[in-house]
Amino acid sequence: MEHPPCISEELRQCVVYGAHPTVYYIPDFISEEEEAHLLQQIYQSPKPKWTQLSGRRLQNWGGLPHPKGMLEEKMPAWLNAYCHKVSSHGAFGGKTANHVLVNEYKPGEGIMPHEDGPLYYPTVTTINLGSHTLLDFYTPVGRSEDDDISASEDERHLFSLLLRPRSLLVLQDDAYRNLLHGIKAHDLDVLTNKVLNLNAAQARPGETLTRGTRVSLTIRHVPKVFKTKFLLGKK
């Protein structure tokens, strides 16, 4: 398998076979102490930092991405350390992550299948805290004339990944650009053979896992950044 040249040897050893190329899963990327510290910092953040959405709430750090570029904001030290830790594995082609979304999912909450889009370097990395989840991958609809636009979500489902607490997930290139990913709004996850990283996640088919409250750090690189204020409305 061809890996991007900047990818570290540790990531190369953690590729998820059977998935799209350049899907990597590292269990225990951070320690229990680091996880506890991160959760403490997240929940100590000012209340206005939280944005409530349908199905989850989130915090935005580093700036607000926009098609014309991101007005950079100072990243707090407790997050900046993990931007550098993830970037040191070559996930962003030698660049350093500069944007973090903190998402909180209660049991029974999820997110519709989606893609992260062209505002970011074509890599998304996720550190998982608090609880497991099951991340599902789908074939998009309408990308070619041969697409069956009447196909159900289940019919378009390709594979899933079990994301354990303290793990790191890296999706690059084809997995980033050409697949949708989402989380079903479930309280329980029944594992099947379509979960491709069962061995790495220390699980087995037929096992049922109960979700708790999960917090994810979605760490990305926004290529176009403005360090001074400007008017987004100006051409």
C-alpha atoms as a PDB file:
ATOM      1  CA  MET A   1       0.000   0.000   0.000  1.00  0.00           C
ATOM      2  CA  GLU A   2       1.215   3.477  -0.859  1.00  0.00           C
ATOM      3  CA  HIS A   3       1.432   5.769   2.146  1.00  0.00           C
ATOM      4  CA  PRO A   4       1.979   9.541   1.963  1.00  0.00           C
ATOM      5  CA  PRO A   5       5.739  10.145   2.312  1.00  0.00           C
ATOM      6  CA  CYS A   6       5.449  12.195   5.512  1.00  0.00           C
ATOM      7  CA  ILE A   7       3.521   9.547   7.448  1.00  0.00           C
ATOM      8  CA  SER A   8       5.364   8.263  10.530  1.00  0.00           C
ATOM      9  CA  GLU A   9       6.302   4.618  10.933  1.00  0.00           C
ATOM     10  CA  GLU A  10       3.902   4.332  13.899  1.00  0.00           C
ATOM     11  CA  LEU A  11       0.981   5.356  11.713  1.00  0.00           C
ATOM     12  CA  ARG A  12       2.092   3.020   8.917  1.00  0.00           C
ATOM     13  CA  GLN A  13       1.928   0.135  11.398  1.00  0.00           C
ATOM     14  CA  CYS A  14      -1.642   1.073  12.348  1.00  0.00           C
ATOM     15  CA  VAL A  15      -3.323   1.046   8.944  1.00  0.00           C
ATOM     16  CA  VAL A  16      -6.821  -0.477   8.930  1.00  0.00           C
ATOM     17  CA  TYR A  17      -6.714  -3.238   6.321  1.00  0.00           C
ATOM     18  CA  GLY A  18      -9.843  -3.724   4.274  1.00  0.00           C
ATOM     19  CA  ALA A  19     -10.821  -0.081   4.585  1.00  0.00           C
ATOM     20  CA  HIS A  20      -9.983   2.600   2.024  1.00  0.00           C
ATOM     21  CA  PRO A  21      -6.233   3.269   1.773  1.00  0.00           C
ATOM     22  CA  THR A  22      -4.831   5.725   4.338  1.00  0.00           C
ATOM     23  CA  VAL A  23      -7.213   4.924   7.180  1.00  0.00           C
ATOM     24  CA  TYR A  24      -5.209   4.586  10.399  1.00  0.00           C
ATOM     25  CA  TYR A  25      -6.276   3.682  13.953  1.00  0.00           C
ATOM     26  CA  ILE A  26      -3.963   3.961  16.964  1.00  0.00           C
ATOM     27  CA  PRO A  27      -5.365   2.557  20.236  1.00  0.00           C
ATOM     28  CA  ASP A  28      -4.219   4.234  23.459  1.00  0.00           C
ATOM     29  CA  PHE A  29      -2.786   7.237  21.639  1.00  0.00           C
ATOM     30  CA  ILE A  30      -3.068   9.154  24.912  1.00  0.00           C
ATOM     31  CA  SER A  31      -2.942   7.986  28.539  1.00  0.00           C
ATOM     32  CA  GLU A  32      -5.801   7.889  31.054  1.00  0.00           C
ATOM     33  CA  GLU A  33      -4.202  10.871  32.798  1.00  0.00           C
ATOM     34  CA  GLU A  34      -4.129  12.862  29.559  1.00  0.00           C
ATOM     35  CA  GLU A  35      -7.744  11.941  28.870  1.00  0.00           C
ATOM     36  CA  ALA A  36      -8.830  13.125  32.326  1.00  0.00           C
ATOM     37  CA  HIS A  37      -6.886  16.382  31.907  1.00  0.00           C
ATOM     38  CA  LEU A  38      -8.424  17.085  28.510  1.00  0.00           C
ATOM     39  CA  LEU A  39     -11.952  16.433  29.778  1.00  0.00           C
ATOM     40  CA  GLN A  40     -11.305  18.717  32.740  1.00  0.00           C
ATOM     41  CA  GLN A  41     -10.136  21.531  30.465  1.00  0.00           C
ATOM     42  CA  ILE A  42     -13.086  21.067  28.097  1.00  0.00           C
ATOM     43  CA  TYR A  43     -15.703  21.199  30.833  1.00  0.00           C
ATOM     44  CA  GLN A  44     -13.998  24.139  32.528  1.00  0.00           C
ATOM     45  CA  SER A  45     -14.278  26.199  29.331  1.00  0.00           C
ATOM     46  CA  PRO A  46     -16.598  29.224  29.524  1.00  0.00           C
ATOM     47  CA  LYS A  47     -20.248  28.377  28.901  1.00  0.00           C
ATOM     48  CA  PRO A  48     -20.475  30.685  25.830  1.00  0.00           C
ATOM     49  CA  LYS A  49     -17.788  28.530  24.178  1.00  0.00           C
ATOM     50  CA  TRP A  50     -20.382  25.786  23.700  1.00  0.00           C
ATOM     51  CA  THR A  51     -22.683  25.763  20.653  1.00  0.00           C
ATOM     52  CA  GLN A  52     -25.759  23.542  20.860  1.00  0.00           C
ATOM     53  CA  LEU A  53     -26.671  21.689  17.670  1.00  0.00           C
ATOM     54  CA  SER A  54     -29.278  19.053  16.922  1.00  0.00           C
ATOM     55  CA  GLY A  55     -27.821  15.819  18.263  1.00  0.00           C
ATOM     56  CA  ARG A  56     -24.665  17.212  19.868  1.00  0.00           C
ATOM     57  CA  ARG A  57     -22.919  20.311  21.193  1.00  0.00           C
ATOM     58  CA  LEU A  58     -19.479  21.584  20.281  1.00  0.00           C
ATOM     59  CA  GLN A  59     -16.639  24.003  20.946  1.00  0.00           C
ATOM     60  CA  ASN A  60     -14.679  25.677  18.127  1.00  0.00           C
ATOM     61  CA  TRP A  61     -10.981  26.471  18.672  1.00  0.00           C
ATOM     62  CA  GLY A  62      -8.376  28.114  16.425  1.00  0.00           C
ATOM     63  CA  GLY A  63     -10.760  30.243  14.374  1.00  0.00           C
ATOM     64  CA  LEU A  64     -13.916  29.924  12.298  1.00  0.00           C
ATOM     65  CA  PRO A  65     -13.238  28.226   8.922  1.00  0.00           C
ATOM     66  CA  HIS A  66     -14.696  30.101   5.951  1.00  0.00           C
ATOM     67  CA  PRO A  67     -14.417  29.595   2.159  1.00  0.00           C
ATOM     68  CA  LYS A  68     -12.244  32.725   1.960  1.00  0.00           C
ATOM     69  CA  GLY A  69      -9.988  31.619   4.797  1.00  0.00           C
ATOM     70  CA  MET A  70      -9.868  31.367   8.582  1.00  0.00           C
ATOM     71  CA  LEU A  71      -9.245  34.340  10.842  1.00  0.00           C
ATOM     72  CA  GLU A  72      -6.747  32.761  13.207  1.00  0.00           C
ATOM     73  CA  GLU A  73      -7.383  32.760  16.953  1.00  0.00           C
ATOM     74  CA  LYS A  74      -4.877  31.735  19.582  1.00  0.00           C
ATOM     75  CA  MET A  75      -5.057  28.029  20.366  1.00  0.00           C
ATOM     76  CA  PRO A  76      -5.014  27.299  24.122  1.00  0.00           C
ATOM     77  CA  ALA A  77      -1.914  25.471  25.312  1.00  0.00           C
ATOM     78  CA  TRP A  78      -3.876  22.402  26.448  1.00  0.00           C
ATOM     79  CA  LEU A  79      -5.081  21.847  22.865  1.00  0.00           C
ATOM     80  CA  ASN A  80      -1.988  23.128  21.077  1.00  0.00           C
ATOM     81  CA  ALA A  81       0.044  20.280  22.569  1.00  0.00           C
ATOM     82  CA  TYR A  82      -2.172  17.738  20.828  1.00  0.00           C
ATOM     83  CA  CYS A  83      -2.194  19.653  17.554  1.00  0.00           C
ATOM     84  CA  HIS A  84       1.583  19.227  17.569  1.00  0.00           C
ATOM     85  CA  LYS A  85       1.464  15.609  18.769  1.00  0.00           C
ATOM     86  CA  VAL A  86      -0.868  14.561  15.957  1.00  0.00           C
ATOM     87  CA  SER A  87       0.993  16.645  13.370  1.00  0.00           C
ATOM     88  CA  SER A  88       4.319  15.079  14.364  1.00  0.00           C
ATOM     89  CA  HIS A  89       3.108  11.844  12.738  1.00  0.00           C
ATOM     90  CA  GLY A  90       2.976  13.550   9.347  1.00  0.00           C
ATOM     91  CA  ALA A  91      -0.807  13.543   9.181  1.00  0.00           C
ATOM     92  CA  PHE A  92      -0.887  16.952   7.481  1.00  0.00           C
ATOM     93  CA  GLY A  93       2.012  16.565   5.091  1.00  0.00           C
ATOM     94  CA  GLY A  94       4.520  18.306   7.360  1.00  0.00           C
ATOM     95  CA  LYS A  95       2.132  21.117   8.306  1.00  0.00           C
ATOM     96  CA  THR A  96       0.815  21.683  11.839  1.00  0.00           C
ATOM     97  CA  ALA A  97      -2.863  21.418  12.748  1.00  0.00           C
ATOM     98  CA  ASN A  98      -4.440  24.792  13.527  1.00  0.00           C
ATOM     99  CA  HIS A  99      -8.111  24.005  14.124  1.00  0.00           C
ATOM    100  CA  VAL A 100      -9.949  21.821  16.670  1.00  0.00           C
ATOM    101  CA  LEU A 101     -13.625  21.015  17.020  1.00  0.00           C
ATOM    102  CA  VAL A 102     -14.616  19.558  20.380  1.00  0.00           C
ATOM    103  CA  ASN A 103     -17.826  17.539  19.979  1.00  0.00           C
ATOM    104  CA  GLU A 104     -19.844  16.106  22.853  1.00  0.00           C
ATOM    105  CA  TYR A 105     -22.232  13.221  22.125  1.00  0.00           C
ATOM    106  CA  LYS A 106     -24.611  11.932  24.785  1.00  0.00           C
ATOM    107  CA  PRO A 107     -25.842   8.317  24.527  1.00  0.00           C
ATOM    108  CA  GLY A 108     -28.372   8.133  21.715  1.00  0.00           C
ATOM    109  CA  GLU A 109     -26.894  11.113  19.838  1.00  0.00           C
ATOM    110  CA  GLY A 110     -25.127  10.934  16.490  1.00  0.00           C
ATOM    111  CA  ILE A 111     -24.372  12.795  13.272  1.00  0.00           C
ATOM    112  CA  MET A 112     -25.702  12.247   9.741  1.00  0.00           C
ATOM    113  CA  PRO A 113     -23.311  10.879   7.086  1.00  0.00           C
ATOM    114  CA  HIS A 114     -21.241  13.794   5.785  1.00  0.00           C
ATOM    115  CA  GLU A 115     -17.882  14.837   4.347  1.00  0.00           C
ATOM    116  CA  ASP A 116     -15.600  17.469   5.860  1.00  0.00           C
ATOM    117  CA  GLY A 117     -15.208  19.389   2.620  1.00  0.00           C
ATOM    118  CA  PRO A 118     -12.517  21.440   0.846  1.00  0.00           C
ATOM    119  CA  LEU A 119     -11.837  24.049   3.567  1.00  0.00           C
ATOM    120  CA  TYR A 120      -9.325  21.708   5.186  1.00  0.00           C
ATOM    121  CA  TYR A 121      -6.164  19.864   4.218  1.00  0.00           C
ATOM    122  CA  PRO A 122      -7.529  16.452   3.052  1.00  0.00           C
ATOM    123  CA  THR A 123      -7.008  14.764   6.400  1.00  0.00           C
ATOM    124  CA  VAL A 124      -9.161  14.571   9.517  1.00  0.00           C
ATOM    125  CA  THR A 125      -7.771  13.259  12.804  1.00  0.00           C
ATOM    126  CA  THR A 126      -9.873  12.438  15.847  1.00  0.00           C
ATOM    127  CA  ILE A 127      -8.889  11.799  19.468  1.00  0.00           C
ATOM    128  CA  ASN A 128     -11.697  10.027  21.365  1.00  0.00           C
ATOM    129  CA  LEU A 129     -12.470  10.662  25.016  1.00  0.00           C
ATOM    130  CA  GLY A 130     -14.892   9.237  27.561  1.00  0.00           C
ATOM    131  CA  SER A 131     -16.752   6.547  25.607  1.00  0.00           C
ATOM    132  CA  HIS A 132     -16.516   4.398  22.505  1.00  0.00           C
ATOM    133  CA  THR A 133     -18.534   5.030  19.360  1.00  0.00           C
ATOM    134  CA  LEU A 134     -19.074   3.291  16.051  1.00  0.00           C
ATOM    135  CA  LEU A 135     -18.125   5.381  13.010  1.00  0.00           C
ATOM    136  CA  ASP A 136     -19.861   4.259   9.818  1.00  0.00           C
ATOM    137  CA  PHE A 137     -18.643   4.849   6.247  1.00  0.00           C
ATOM    138  CA  TYR A 138     -20.851   5.176   3.184  1.00  0.00           C
ATOM    139  CA  THR A 139     -20.712   5.529  -0.574  1.00  0.00           C
ATOM    140  CA  PRO A 140     -21.899   9.047  -1.541  1.00  0.00           C
ATOM    141  CA  VAL A 141     -24.910   9.457  -3.807  1.00  0.00           C
ATOM    142  CA  GLY A 142     -24.756  11.225  -7.149  1.00  0.00           C
ATOM    143  CA  ARG A 143     -21.007  11.116  -7.778  1.00  0.00           C
ATOM    144  CA  SER A 144     -21.436   9.300 -11.099  1.00  0.00           C
ATOM    145  CA  GLU A 145     -24.129   8.423 -13.640  1.00  0.00           C
ATOM    146  CA  ASP A 146     -24.068   4.819 -12.411  1.00  0.00           C
ATOM    147  CA  ASP A 147     -25.079   5.753  -8.850  1.00  0.00           C
ATOM    148  CA  ASP A 148     -28.331   4.276  -7.610  1.00  0.00           C
ATOM    149  CA  ILE A 149     -29.878   7.346  -6.015  1.00  0.00           C
ATOM    150  CA  SER A 150     -32.662   5.194  -4.577  1.00  0.00           C
ATOM    151  CA  ALA A 151     -30.207   3.078  -2.534  1.00  0.00           C
ATOM    152  CA  SER A 152     -30.894   3.194   1.193  1.00  0.00           C
ATOM    153  CA  GLU A 153     -28.355   4.263   3.787  1.00  0.00           C
ATOM    154  CA  ASP A 154     -27.903   0.633   4.826  1.00  0.00           C
ATOM    155  CA  GLU A 155     -27.274  -0.374   1.205  1.00  0.00           C
ATOM    156  CA  ARG A 156     -24.624   2.342   0.851  1.00  0.00           C
ATOM    157  CA  HIS A 157     -22.899   1.328   4.108  1.00  0.00           C
ATOM    158  CA  LEU A 158     -19.382   0.048   3.362  1.00  0.00           C
ATOM    159  CA  PHE A 159     -17.733  -0.576   6.725  1.00  0.00           C
ATOM    160  CA  SER A 160     -17.470   0.710  10.289  1.00  0.00           C
ATOM    161  CA  LEU A 161     -14.703   1.443  12.786  1.00  0.00           C
ATOM    162  CA  LEU A 162     -14.881   1.038  16.550  1.00  0.00           C
ATOM    163  CA  LEU A 163     -13.370   4.107  18.191  1.00  0.00           C
ATOM    164  CA  ARG A 164     -12.292   3.363  21.749  1.00  0.00           C
ATOM    165  CA  PRO A 165     -11.549   6.018  24.371  1.00  0.00           C
ATOM    166  CA  ARG A 166      -8.018   7.483  24.089  1.00  0.00           C
ATOM    167  CA  SER A 167      -7.591   6.263  20.502  1.00  0.00           C
ATOM    168  CA  LEU A 168      -6.594   8.288  17.443  1.00  0.00           C
ATOM    169  CA  LEU A 169      -8.258   7.939  14.044  1.00  0.00           C
ATOM    170  CA  VAL A 170      -6.662   9.376  10.894  1.00  0.00           C
ATOM    171  CA  LEU A 171      -8.567   9.570   7.578  1.00  0.00           C
ATOM    172  CA  GLN A 172      -6.706  10.812   4.526  1.00  0.00           C
ATOM    173  CA  ASP A 173      -7.036  11.294   0.775  1.00  0.00           C
ATOM    174  CA  ASP A 174      -9.621   8.882  -0.738  1.00  0.00           C
ATOM    175  CA  ALA A 175     -11.214   8.095   2.625  1.00  0.00           C
ATOM    176  CA  TYR A 176     -11.507  11.838   3.245  1.00  0.00           C
ATOM    177  CA  ARG A 177     -12.626  12.963  -0.224  1.00  0.00           C
ATOM    178  CA  ASN A 178     -14.687  10.073  -1.553  1.00  0.00           C
ATOM    179  CA  LEU A 179     -16.560   8.591   1.410  1.00  0.00           C
ATOM    180  CA  LEU A 180     -19.168   9.880   3.827  1.00  0.00           C
ATOM    181  CA  HIS A 181     -18.831   9.138   7.537  1.00  0.00           C
ATOM    182  CA  GLY A 182     -21.403   9.361  10.297  1.00  0.00           C
ATOM    183  CA  ILE A 183     -22.543   8.060  13.688  1.00  0.00           C
ATOM    184  CA  LYS A 184     -25.959   6.486  14.168  1.00  0.00           C
ATOM    185  CA  ALA A 185     -28.060   7.842  17.038  1.00  0.00           C
ATOM    186  CA  HIS A 186     -27.916   4.659  19.132  1.00  0.00           C
ATOM    187  CA  ASP A 187     -27.532   3.805  22.814  1.00  0.00           C
ATOM    188  CA  LEU A 188     -26.074   0.371  22.010  1.00  0.00           C
ATOM    189  CA  ASP A 189     -23.692  -0.843  19.322  1.00  0.00           C
ATOM    190  CA  VAL A 190     -23.771  -4.467  18.152  1.00  0.00           C
ATOM    191  CA  LEU A 191     -20.449  -5.339  16.547  1.00  0.00           C
ATOM    192  CA  THR A 192     -20.374  -7.236  13.249  1.00  0.00           C
ATOM    193  CA  ASN A 193     -17.704  -8.334  10.779  1.00  0.00           C
ATOM    194  CA  LYS A 194     -18.192  -5.024   8.953  1.00  0.00           C
ATOM    195  CA  VAL A 195     -16.287  -3.383  11.846  1.00  0.00           C
ATOM    196  CA  LEU A 196     -12.820  -3.627  10.321  1.00  0.00           C
ATOM    197  CA  ASN A 197     -10.609  -2.802  13.315  1.00  0.00           C
ATOM    198  CA  LEU A 198     -11.989  -5.269  15.873  1.00  0.00           C
ATOM    199  CA  ASN A 199      -8.575  -6.747  16.678  1.00  0.00           C
ATOM    200  CA  ALA A 200      -6.906  -3.382  17.208  1.00  0.00           C
ATOM    201  CA  ALA A 201      -9.874  -2.219  19.307  1.00  0.00           C
ATOM    202  CA  GLN A 202      -9.827  -5.459  21.320  1.00  0.00           C
ATOM    203  CA  ALA A 203     -13.374  -6.498  20.477  1.00  0.00           C
ATOM    204  CA  ARG A 204     -15.132  -9.383  18.746  1.00  0.00           C
ATOM    205  CA  PRO A 205     -18.156  -9.877  16.471  1.00  0.00           C
ATOM    206  CA  GLY A 206     -21.450 -10.239  18.310  1.00  0.00           C
ATOM    207  CA  GLU A 207     -20.338  -8.104  21.248  1.00  0.00           C
ATOM    208  CA  THR A 208     -22.784  -5.405  22.383  1.00  0.00           C
ATOM    209  CA  LEU A 209     -21.345  -2.151  23.760  1.00  0.00           C
ATOM    210  CA  THR A 210     -23.274   0.476  25.713  1.00  0.00           C
ATOM    211  CA  ARG A 211     -22.435   4.074  24.869  1.00  0.00           C
ATOM    212  CA  GLY A 212     -21.645   6.687  27.485  1.00  0.00           C
ATOM    213  CA  THR A 213     -20.966  10.379  26.933  1.00  0.00           C
ATOM    214  CA  ARG A 214     -18.281  10.704  24.269  1.00  0.00           C
ATOM    215  CA  VAL A 215     -16.137  13.782  23.605  1.00  0.00           C
ATOM    216  CA  SER A 216     -14.098  13.940  20.407  1.00  0.00           C
ATOM    217  CA  LEU A 217     -11.276  16.254  19.420  1.00  0.00           C
ATOM    218  CA  THR A 218     -11.473  16.718  15.644  1.00  0.00           C
ATOM    219  CA  ILE A 219      -8.043  18.105  14.771  1.00  0.00           C
ATOM    220  CA  ARG A 220      -7.448  19.522  11.273  1.00  0.00           C
ATOM    221  CA  HIS A 221      -5.305  21.927   9.275  1.00  0.00           C
ATOM    222  CA  VAL A 222      -6.891  24.934   7.542  1.00  0.00           C
ATOM    223  CA  PRO A 223      -4.474  25.932   4.741  1.00  0.00           C
ATOM    224  CA  LYS A 224      -5.720  29.494   4.178  1.00  0.00           C
ATOM    225  CA  VAL A 225      -5.322  31.578   7.334  1.00  0.00           C
ATOM    226  CA  PHE A 226      -5.486  35.307   8.033  1.00  0.00           C
ATOM    227  CA  LYS A 227      -3.599  36.520  11.069  1.00  0.00           C
ATOM    228  CA  THR A 228      -5.189  39.991  11.096  1.00  0.00           C
ATOM    229  CA  LYS A 229      -8.812  41.047  10.994  1.00  0.00           C
ATOM    230  CA  PHE A 230     -10.422  41.539   7.616  1.00  0.00           C
ATOM    231  CA  LEU A 231     -13.904  41.846   6.168  1.00  0.00           C
ATOM    232  CA  LEU A 232     -15.105  38.505   4.812  1.00  0.00           C
ATOM    233  CA  GLY A 233     -17.597  40.348   2.652  1.00  0.00           C
ATOM    234  CA  LYS A 234     -14.921  42.173   0.629  1.00  0.00           C
ATOM    235  CA  LYS A 235     -13.735  40.702  -2.646  1.00  0.00           C
END
